């Protein structure tokens, strides 16, 4: 098993030399109010994308959007509900 205890998982390290790879692209990240979705949304913003944060919890979504800055917006919806 690989020891990952000393890995820095900051968006800056993950993006590395690919900064601005998504410059001016629009990205919808479903389930991005927590966990891996939130990390992906953060990486996309750091790569220059505009990000639509998706989730079901308004408070969590607003916190994520505030932390990502002006390149992020929030969309609330339950994708499990077909209606």
PDB file of N, CA and C in Angstrom:
ATOM      1  N   UNK A   1       0.841  -1.175   0.000  1.00  0.00           N
ATOM      2  CA  UNK A   1       0.000   0.000   0.000  1.00  0.00           C
ATOM      3  C   UNK A   1       0.890   1.243   0.000  1.00  0.00           C
ATOM      4  N   UNK A   2       0.516   2.245  -0.753  1.00  0.00           N
ATOM      5  CA  UNK A   2       1.275   3.482  -0.850  1.00  0.00           C
ATOM      6  C   UNK A   2       1.009   4.359   0.357  1.00  0.00           C
ATOM      7  N   UNK A   3       2.069   4.885   0.946  1.00  0.00           N
ATOM      8  CA  UNK A   3       1.933   5.803   2.073  1.00  0.00           C
ATOM      9  C   UNK A   3       1.653   7.198   1.533  1.00  0.00           C
ATOM     10  N   UNK A   4       0.448   7.701   1.798  1.00  0.00           N
ATOM     11  CA  UNK A   4       0.056   9.021   1.303  1.00  0.00           C
ATOM     12  C   UNK A   4       0.034  10.063   2.410  1.00  0.00           C
ATOM     13  N   UNK A   5       0.556   9.742   3.573  1.00  0.00           N
ATOM     14  CA  UNK A   5       0.460  10.648   4.716  1.00  0.00           C
ATOM     15  C   UNK A   5       1.174  11.976   4.501  1.00  0.00           C
ATOM     16  N   UNK A   6       2.173  12.012   3.625  1.00  0.00           N
ATOM     17  CA  UNK A   6       2.904  13.265   3.418  1.00  0.00           C
ATOM     18  C   UNK A   6       2.492  13.982   2.136  1.00  0.00           C
ATOM     19  N   UNK A   7       1.454  13.505   1.475  1.00  0.00           N
ATOM     20  CA  UNK A   7       0.986  14.160   0.261  1.00  0.00           C
ATOM     21  C   UNK A   7       0.262  15.441   0.603  1.00  0.00           C
ATOM     22  N   UNK A   8       0.505  16.459  -0.175  1.00  0.00           N
ATOM     23  CA  UNK A   8      -0.212  17.727  -0.056  1.00  0.00           C
ATOM     24  C   UNK A   8      -1.258  17.719  -1.156  1.00  0.00           C
ATOM     25  N   UNK A   9      -2.525  17.670  -0.771  1.00  0.00           N
ATOM     26  CA  UNK A   9      -3.577  17.578  -1.787  1.00  0.00           C
ATOM     27  C   UNK A   9      -4.196  18.933  -2.098  1.00  0.00           C
ATOM     28  N   UNK A  10      -3.426  19.991  -1.935  1.00  0.00           N
ATOM     29  CA  UNK A  10      -3.936  21.321  -2.245  1.00  0.00           C
ATOM     30  C   UNK A  10      -4.154  21.439  -3.745  1.00  0.00           C
ATOM     31  N   UNK A  11      -5.129  22.257  -4.156  1.00  0.00           N
ATOM     32  CA  UNK A  11      -5.371  22.425  -5.597  1.00  0.00           C
ATOM     33  C   UNK A  11      -4.136  22.876  -6.349  1.00  0.00           C
ATOM     34  N   UNK A  12      -3.309  23.696  -5.714  1.00  0.00           N
ATOM     35  CA  UNK A  12      -2.103  24.186  -6.379  1.00  0.00           C
ATOM     36  C   UNK A  12      -1.170  23.032  -6.736  1.00  0.00           C
ATOM     37  N   UNK A  13      -1.051  22.038  -5.854  1.00  0.00           N
ATOM     38  CA  UNK A  13      -0.179  20.908  -6.147  1.00  0.00           C
ATOM     39  C   UNK A  13      -0.807  19.996  -7.195  1.00  0.00           C
ATOM     40  N   UNK A  14      -2.097  19.770  -7.089  1.00  0.00           N
ATOM     41  CA  UNK A  14      -2.770  18.896  -8.038  1.00  0.00           C
ATOM     42  C   UNK A  14      -2.713  19.487  -9.441  1.00  0.00           C
ATOM     43  N   UNK A  15      -2.957  20.781  -9.564  1.00  0.00           N
ATOM     44  CA  UNK A  15      -2.943  21.452 -10.858  1.00  0.00           C
ATOM     45  C   UNK A  15      -1.536  21.499 -11.423  1.00  0.00           C
ATOM     46  N   UNK A  16      -0.560  21.800 -10.578  1.00  0.00           N
ATOM     47  CA  UNK A  16       0.835  21.834 -10.997  1.00  0.00           C
ATOM     48  C   UNK A  16       1.076  22.683 -12.227  1.00  0.00           C
ATOM     49  N   UNK A  17       1.666  22.091 -13.235  1.00  0.00           N
ATOM     50  CA  UNK A  17       2.020  22.822 -14.449  1.00  0.00           C
ATOM     51  C   UNK A  17       0.851  22.990 -15.407  1.00  0.00           C
ATOM     52  N   UNK A  18      -0.318  22.490 -15.036  1.00  0.00           N
ATOM     53  CA  UNK A  18      -1.486  22.585 -15.905  1.00  0.00           C
ATOM     54  C   UNK A  18      -2.371  23.777 -15.545  1.00  0.00           C
ATOM     55  N   UNK A  19      -1.807  24.762 -14.889  1.00  0.00           N
ATOM     56  CA  UNK A  19      -2.571  25.941 -14.510  1.00  0.00           C
ATOM     57  C   UNK A  19      -3.208  26.564 -15.740  1.00  0.00           C
ATOM     58  N   UNK A  20      -4.445  26.972 -15.603  1.00  0.00           N
ATOM     59  CA  UNK A  20      -5.224  27.627 -16.644  1.00  0.00           C
ATOM     60  C   UNK A  20      -5.596  26.673 -17.781  1.00  0.00           C
ATOM     61  N   UNK A  21      -5.502  25.390 -17.557  1.00  0.00           N
ATOM     62  CA  UNK A  21      -5.885  24.398 -18.553  1.00  0.00           C
ATOM     63  C   UNK A  21      -7.354  24.539 -18.930  1.00  0.00           C
ATOM     64  N   UNK A  22      -8.183  24.952 -17.971  1.00  0.00           N
ATOM     65  CA  UNK A  22      -9.619  25.106 -18.209  1.00  0.00           C
ATOM     66  C   UNK A  22     -10.022  26.572 -18.332  1.00  0.00           C
ATOM     67  N   UNK A  23      -9.089  27.421 -18.667  1.00  0.00           N
ATOM     68  CA  UNK A  23      -9.343  28.852 -18.736  1.00  0.00           C
ATOM     69  C   UNK A  23     -10.584  29.164 -19.572  1.00  0.00           C
ATOM     70  N   UNK A  24     -11.521  29.877 -18.969  1.00  0.00           N
ATOM     71  CA  UNK A  24     -12.768  30.320 -19.602  1.00  0.00           C
ATOM     72  C   UNK A  24     -13.720  29.201 -20.000  1.00  0.00           C
ATOM     73  N   UNK A  25     -13.493  27.982 -19.514  1.00  0.00           N
ATOM     74  CA  UNK A  25     -14.448  26.893 -19.725  1.00  0.00           C
ATOM     75  C   UNK A  25     -15.479  26.955 -18.602  1.00  0.00           C
ATOM     76  N   UNK A  26     -16.646  26.352 -18.819  1.00  0.00           N
ATOM     77  CA  UNK A  26     -17.679  26.269 -17.795  1.00  0.00           C
ATOM     78  C   UNK A  26     -17.814  24.809 -17.396  1.00  0.00           C
ATOM     79  N   UNK A  27     -17.756  24.550 -16.082  1.00  0.00           N
ATOM     80  CA  UNK A  27     -17.782  23.184 -15.579  1.00  0.00           C
ATOM     81  C   UNK A  27     -18.906  23.035 -14.555  1.00  0.00           C
ATOM     82  N   UNK A  28     -19.719  22.001 -14.718  1.00  0.00           N
ATOM     83  CA  UNK A  28     -20.740  21.639 -13.741  1.00  0.00           C
ATOM     84  C   UNK A  28     -20.207  20.436 -12.982  1.00  0.00           C
ATOM     85  N   UNK A  29     -20.062  20.575 -11.661  1.00  0.00           N
ATOM     86  CA  UNK A  29     -19.578  19.477 -10.838  1.00  0.00           C
ATOM     87  C   UNK A  29     -20.728  19.052  -9.929  1.00  0.00           C
ATOM     88  N   UNK A  30     -21.314  17.896 -10.222  1.00  0.00           N
ATOM     89  CA  UNK A  30     -22.419  17.416  -9.401  1.00  0.00           C
ATOM     90  C   UNK A  30     -21.888  16.930  -8.055  1.00  0.00           C
ATOM     91  N   UNK A  31     -22.696  17.129  -7.026  1.00  0.00           N
ATOM     92  CA  UNK A  31     -22.303  16.690  -5.691  1.00  0.00           C
ATOM     93  C   UNK A  31     -21.070  17.411  -5.166  1.00  0.00           C
ATOM     94  N   UNK A  32     -20.963  18.693  -5.493  1.00  0.00           N
ATOM     95  CA  UNK A  32     -19.728  19.409  -5.166  1.00  0.00           C
ATOM     96  C   UNK A  32     -19.806  20.249  -3.892  1.00  0.00           C
ATOM     97  N   UNK A  33     -20.756  19.944  -3.020  1.00  0.00           N
ATOM     98  CA  UNK A  33     -20.821  20.684  -1.751  1.00  0.00           C
ATOM     99  C   UNK A  33     -19.962  20.033  -0.677  1.00  0.00           C
ATOM    100  N   UNK A  34     -19.388  18.870  -0.968  1.00  0.00           N
ATOM    101  CA  UNK A  34     -18.516  18.198   0.001  1.00  0.00           C
ATOM    102  C   UNK A  34     -17.656  17.149  -0.689  1.00  0.00           C
ATOM    103  N   UNK A  35     -16.684  16.668   0.019  1.00  0.00           N
ATOM    104  CA  UNK A  35     -15.867  15.551  -0.438  1.00  0.00           C
ATOM    105  C   UNK A  35     -15.123  15.779  -1.740  1.00  0.00           C
ATOM    106  N   UNK A  36     -15.069  14.712  -2.533  1.00  0.00           N
ATOM    107  CA  UNK A  36     -14.300  14.758  -3.772  1.00  0.00           C
ATOM    108  C   UNK A  36     -14.893  15.744  -4.776  1.00  0.00           C
ATOM    109  N   UNK A  37     -16.218  15.895  -4.773  1.00  0.00           N
ATOM    110  CA  UNK A  37     -16.843  16.873  -5.665  1.00  0.00           C
ATOM    111  C   UNK A  37     -16.373  18.284  -5.367  1.00  0.00           C
ATOM    112  N   UNK A  38     -16.270  18.600  -4.081  1.00  0.00           N
ATOM    113  CA  UNK A  38     -15.784  19.929  -3.684  1.00  0.00           C
ATOM    114  C   UNK A  38     -14.337  20.112  -4.116  1.00  0.00           C
ATOM    115  N   UNK A  39     -13.534  19.080  -3.950  1.00  0.00           N
ATOM    116  CA  UNK A  39     -12.121  19.154  -4.350  1.00  0.00           C
ATOM    117  C   UNK A  39     -11.994  19.342  -5.861  1.00  0.00           C
ATOM    118  N   UNK A  40     -12.826  18.647  -6.634  1.00  0.00           N
ATOM    119  CA  UNK A  40     -12.799  18.789  -8.082  1.00  0.00           C
ATOM    120  C   UNK A  40     -13.205  20.205  -8.487  1.00  0.00           C
ATOM    121  N   UNK A  41     -14.257  20.735  -7.847  1.00  0.00           N
ATOM    122  CA  UNK A  41     -14.688  22.112  -8.141  1.00  0.00           C
ATOM    123  C   UNK A  41     -13.559  23.096  -7.858  1.00  0.00           C
ATOM    124  N   UNK A  42     -12.877  22.905  -6.757  1.00  0.00           N
ATOM    125  CA  UNK A  42     -11.764  23.785  -6.391  1.00  0.00           C
ATOM    126  C   UNK A  42     -10.635  23.698  -7.417  1.00  0.00           C
ATOM    127  N   UNK A  43     -10.293  22.499  -7.845  1.00  0.00           N
ATOM    128  CA  UNK A  43      -9.245  22.332  -8.855  1.00  0.00           C
ATOM    129  C   UNK A  43      -9.634  23.007 -10.163  1.00  0.00           C
ATOM    130  N   UNK A  44     -10.900  22.874 -10.542  1.00  0.00           N
ATOM    131  CA  UNK A  44     -11.358  23.489 -11.791  1.00  0.00           C
ATOM    132  C   UNK A  44     -11.245  25.007 -11.733  1.00  0.00           C
ATOM    133  N   UNK A  45     -11.624  25.606 -10.606  1.00  0.00           N
ATOM    134  CA  UNK A  45     -11.494  27.056 -10.446  1.00  0.00           C
ATOM    135  C   UNK A  45     -10.025  27.454 -10.535  1.00  0.00           C
ATOM    136  N   UNK A  46      -9.155  26.681  -9.901  1.00  0.00           N
ATOM    137  CA  UNK A  46      -7.730  26.991  -9.936  1.00  0.00           C
ATOM    138  C   UNK A  46      -7.134  26.835 -11.331  1.00  0.00           C
ATOM    139  N   UNK A  47      -7.817  26.073 -12.189  1.00  0.00           N
ATOM    140  CA  UNK A  47      -7.364  25.914 -13.565  1.00  0.00           C
ATOM    141  C   UNK A  47      -8.001  26.941 -14.490  1.00  0.00           C
ATOM    142  N   UNK A  48      -8.767  27.873 -13.925  1.00  0.00           N
ATOM    143  CA  UNK A  48      -9.312  28.970 -14.711  1.00  0.00           C
ATOM    144  C   UNK A  48     -10.764  28.824 -15.129  1.00  0.00           C
ATOM    145  N   UNK A  49     -11.427  27.733 -14.730  1.00  0.00           N
ATOM    146  CA  UNK A  49     -12.816  27.506 -15.150  1.00  0.00           C
ATOM    147  C   UNK A  49     -13.801  28.307 -14.303  1.00  0.00           C
ATOM    148  N   UNK A  50     -14.965  28.521 -14.889  1.00  0.00           N
ATOM    149  CA  UNK A  50     -16.119  28.997 -14.137  1.00  0.00           C
ATOM    150  C   UNK A  50     -16.837  27.724 -13.719  1.00  0.00           C
ATOM    151  N   UNK A  51     -17.240  27.621 -12.453  1.00  0.00           N
ATOM    152  CA  UNK A  51     -17.777  26.370 -11.920  1.00  0.00           C
ATOM    153  C   UNK A  51     -19.188  26.558 -11.388  1.00  0.00           C
ATOM    154  N   UNK A  52     -20.060  25.647 -11.794  1.00  0.00           N
ATOM    155  CA  UNK A  52     -21.401  25.590 -11.234  1.00  0.00           C
ATOM    156  C   UNK A  52     -21.391  24.500 -10.174  1.00  0.00           C
ATOM    157  N   UNK A  53     -21.435  24.932  -8.922  1.00  0.00           N
ATOM    158  CA  UNK A  53     -21.444  24.027  -7.779  1.00  0.00           C
ATOM    159  C   UNK A  53     -22.855  23.461  -7.659  1.00  0.00           C
ATOM    160  N   UNK A  54     -22.966  22.154  -7.533  1.00  0.00           N
ATOM    161  CA  UNK A  54     -24.270  21.501  -7.436  1.00  0.00           C
ATOM    162  C   UNK A  54     -24.382  20.750  -6.114  1.00  0.00           C
ATOM    163  N   UNK A  55     -25.578  20.805  -5.538  1.00  0.00           N
ATOM    164  CA  UNK A  55     -25.855  20.035  -4.337  1.00  0.00           C
ATOM    165  C   UNK A  55     -27.289  20.221  -3.906  1.00  0.00           C
ATOM    166  N   UNK A  56     -27.622  19.633  -2.770  1.00  0.00           N
ATOM    167  CA  UNK A  56     -28.984  19.741  -2.246  1.00  0.00           C
ATOM    168  C   UNK A  56     -29.052  20.617  -1.000  1.00  0.00           C
ATOM    169  N   UNK A  57     -27.909  20.914  -0.408  1.00  0.00           N
ATOM    170  CA  UNK A  57     -27.861  21.674   0.841  1.00  0.00           C
ATOM    171  C   UNK A  57     -27.445  23.115   0.553  1.00  0.00           C
ATOM    172  N   UNK A  58     -28.393  24.040   0.706  1.00  0.00           N
ATOM    173  CA  UNK A  58     -28.130  25.447   0.381  1.00  0.00           C
ATOM    174  C   UNK A  58     -26.973  26.024   1.199  1.00  0.00           C
ATOM    175  N   UNK A  59     -26.961  25.761   2.501  1.00  0.00           N
ATOM    176  CA  UNK A  59     -25.923  26.329   3.363  1.00  0.00           C
ATOM    177  C   UNK A  59     -24.531  25.835   2.962  1.00  0.00           C
ATOM    178  N   UNK A  60     -24.385  24.534   2.749  1.00  0.00           N
ATOM    179  CA  UNK A  60     -23.092  23.994   2.316  1.00  0.00           C
ATOM    180  C   UNK A  60     -22.699  24.560   0.954  1.00  0.00           C
ATOM    181  N   UNK A  61     -23.662  24.623   0.047  1.00  0.00           N
ATOM    182  CA  UNK A  61     -23.389  25.156  -1.290  1.00  0.00           C
ATOM    183  C   UNK A  61     -22.916  26.595  -1.260  1.00  0.00           C
ATOM    184  N   UNK A  62     -23.572  27.410  -0.438  1.00  0.00           N
ATOM    185  CA  UNK A  62     -23.158  28.813  -0.330  1.00  0.00           C
ATOM    186  C   UNK A  62     -21.762  28.930   0.255  1.00  0.00           C
ATOM    187  N   UNK A  63     -21.423  28.057   1.214  1.00  0.00           N
ATOM    188  CA  UNK A  63     -20.075  28.082   1.790  1.00  0.00           C
ATOM    189  C   UNK A  63     -19.025  27.742   0.729  1.00  0.00           C
ATOM    190  N   UNK A  64     -19.332  26.746  -0.081  1.00  0.00           N
ATOM    191  CA  UNK A  64     -18.388  26.346  -1.135  1.00  0.00           C
ATOM    192  C   UNK A  64     -18.211  27.483  -2.136  1.00  0.00           C
ATOM    193  N   UNK A  65     -19.315  28.067  -2.586  1.00  0.00           N
ATOM    194  CA  UNK A  65     -19.242  29.154  -3.562  1.00  0.00           C
ATOM    195  C   UNK A  65     -18.457  30.332  -2.995  1.00  0.00           C
ATOM    196  N   UNK A  66     -18.705  30.686  -1.755  1.00  0.00           N
ATOM    197  CA  UNK A  66     -17.948  31.784  -1.128  1.00  0.00           C
ATOM    198  C   UNK A  66     -16.465  31.463  -1.078  1.00  0.00           C
ATOM    199  N   UNK A  67     -16.120  30.201  -0.781  1.00  0.00           N
ATOM    200  CA  UNK A  67     -14.699  29.839  -0.689  1.00  0.00           C
ATOM    201  C   UNK A  67     -14.029  29.820  -2.063  1.00  0.00           C
ATOM    202  N   UNK A  68     -14.801  29.567  -3.121  1.00  0.00           N
ATOM    203  CA  UNK A  68     -14.229  29.514  -4.474  1.00  0.00           C
ATOM    204  C   UNK A  68     -14.153  30.877  -5.139  1.00  0.00           C
ATOM    205  N   UNK A  69     -14.960  31.813  -4.674  1.00  0.00           N
ATOM    206  CA  UNK A  69     -14.882  33.168  -5.210  1.00  0.00           C
ATOM    207  C   UNK A  69     -15.824  33.434  -6.365  1.00  0.00           C
ATOM    208  N   UNK A  70     -15.565  34.508  -7.100  1.00  0.00           N
ATOM    209  CA  UNK A  70     -16.501  34.985  -8.131  1.00  0.00           C
ATOM    210  C   UNK A  70     -16.614  34.080  -9.357  1.00  0.00           C
ATOM    211  N   UNK A  71     -15.775  33.100  -9.488  1.00  0.00           N
ATOM    212  CA  UNK A  71     -15.848  32.198 -10.645  1.00  0.00           C
ATOM    213  C   UNK A  71     -16.774  31.021 -10.384  1.00  0.00           C
ATOM    214  N   UNK A  72     -17.482  31.032  -9.240  1.00  0.00           N
ATOM    215  CA  UNK A  72     -18.371  29.924  -8.879  1.00  0.00           C
ATOM    216  C   UNK A  72     -19.790  30.425  -8.646  1.00  0.00           C
ATOM    217  N   UNK A  73     -20.749  29.568  -8.976  1.00  0.00           N
ATOM    218  CA  UNK A  73     -22.162  29.838  -8.726  1.00  0.00           C
ATOM    219  C   UNK A  73     -22.791  28.554  -8.202  1.00  0.00           C
ATOM    220  N   UNK A  74     -23.967  28.678  -7.594  1.00  0.00           N
ATOM    221  CA  UNK A  74     -24.626  27.538  -6.955  1.00  0.00           C
ATOM    222  C   UNK A  74     -25.898  27.139  -7.697  1.00  0.00           C
ATOM    223  N   UNK A  75     -26.082  25.842  -7.857  1.00  0.00           N
ATOM    224  CA  UNK A  75     -27.333  25.279  -8.397  1.00  0.00           C
ATOM    225  C   UNK A  75     -27.808  24.200  -7.427  1.00  0.00           C
ATOM    226  N   UNK A  76     -28.995  24.377  -6.863  1.00  0.00           N
ATOM    227  CA  UNK A  76     -29.570  23.413  -5.928  1.00  0.00           C
ATOM    228  C   UNK A  76     -30.571  22.535  -6.665  1.00  0.00           C
ATOM    229  N   UNK A  77     -30.417  21.222  -6.523  1.00  0.00           N
ATOM    230  CA  UNK A  77     -31.334  20.296  -7.156  1.00  0.00           C
ATOM    231  C   UNK A  77     -31.047  18.888  -6.645  1.00  0.00           C
ATOM    232  N   UNK A  78     -32.066  18.048  -6.656  1.00  0.00           N
ATOM    233  CA  UNK A  78     -31.921  16.639  -6.313  1.00  0.00           C
ATOM    234  C   UNK A  78     -31.945  15.861  -7.617  1.00  0.00           C
ATOM    235  N   UNK A  79     -30.798  15.403  -8.081  1.00  0.00           N
ATOM    236  CA  UNK A  79     -30.723  14.713  -9.358  1.00  0.00           C
ATOM    237  C   UNK A  79     -31.325  13.313  -9.295  1.00  0.00           C
ATOM    238  N   UNK A  80     -31.569  12.796  -8.104  1.00  0.00           N
ATOM    239  CA  UNK A  80     -32.204  11.492  -7.962  1.00  0.00           C
ATOM    240  C   UNK A  80     -33.707  11.555  -8.241  1.00  0.00           C
ATOM    241  N   UNK A  81     -34.283  12.759  -8.195  1.00  0.00           N
ATOM    242  CA  UNK A  81     -35.704  12.962  -8.442  1.00  0.00           C
ATOM    243  C   UNK A  81     -35.920  13.290  -9.915  1.00  0.00           C
ATOM    244  N   UNK A  82     -36.531  12.390 -10.690  1.00  0.00           N
ATOM    245  CA  UNK A  82     -36.702  12.637 -12.128  1.00  0.00           C
ATOM    246  C   UNK A  82     -37.679  13.760 -12.469  1.00  0.00           C
ATOM    247  N   UNK A  83     -38.433  14.210 -11.509  1.00  0.00           N
ATOM    248  CA  UNK A  83     -39.400  15.284 -11.773  1.00  0.00           C
ATOM    249  C   UNK A  83     -38.698  16.575 -11.683  1.00  0.00           C
TER     250      UNK A  83
END
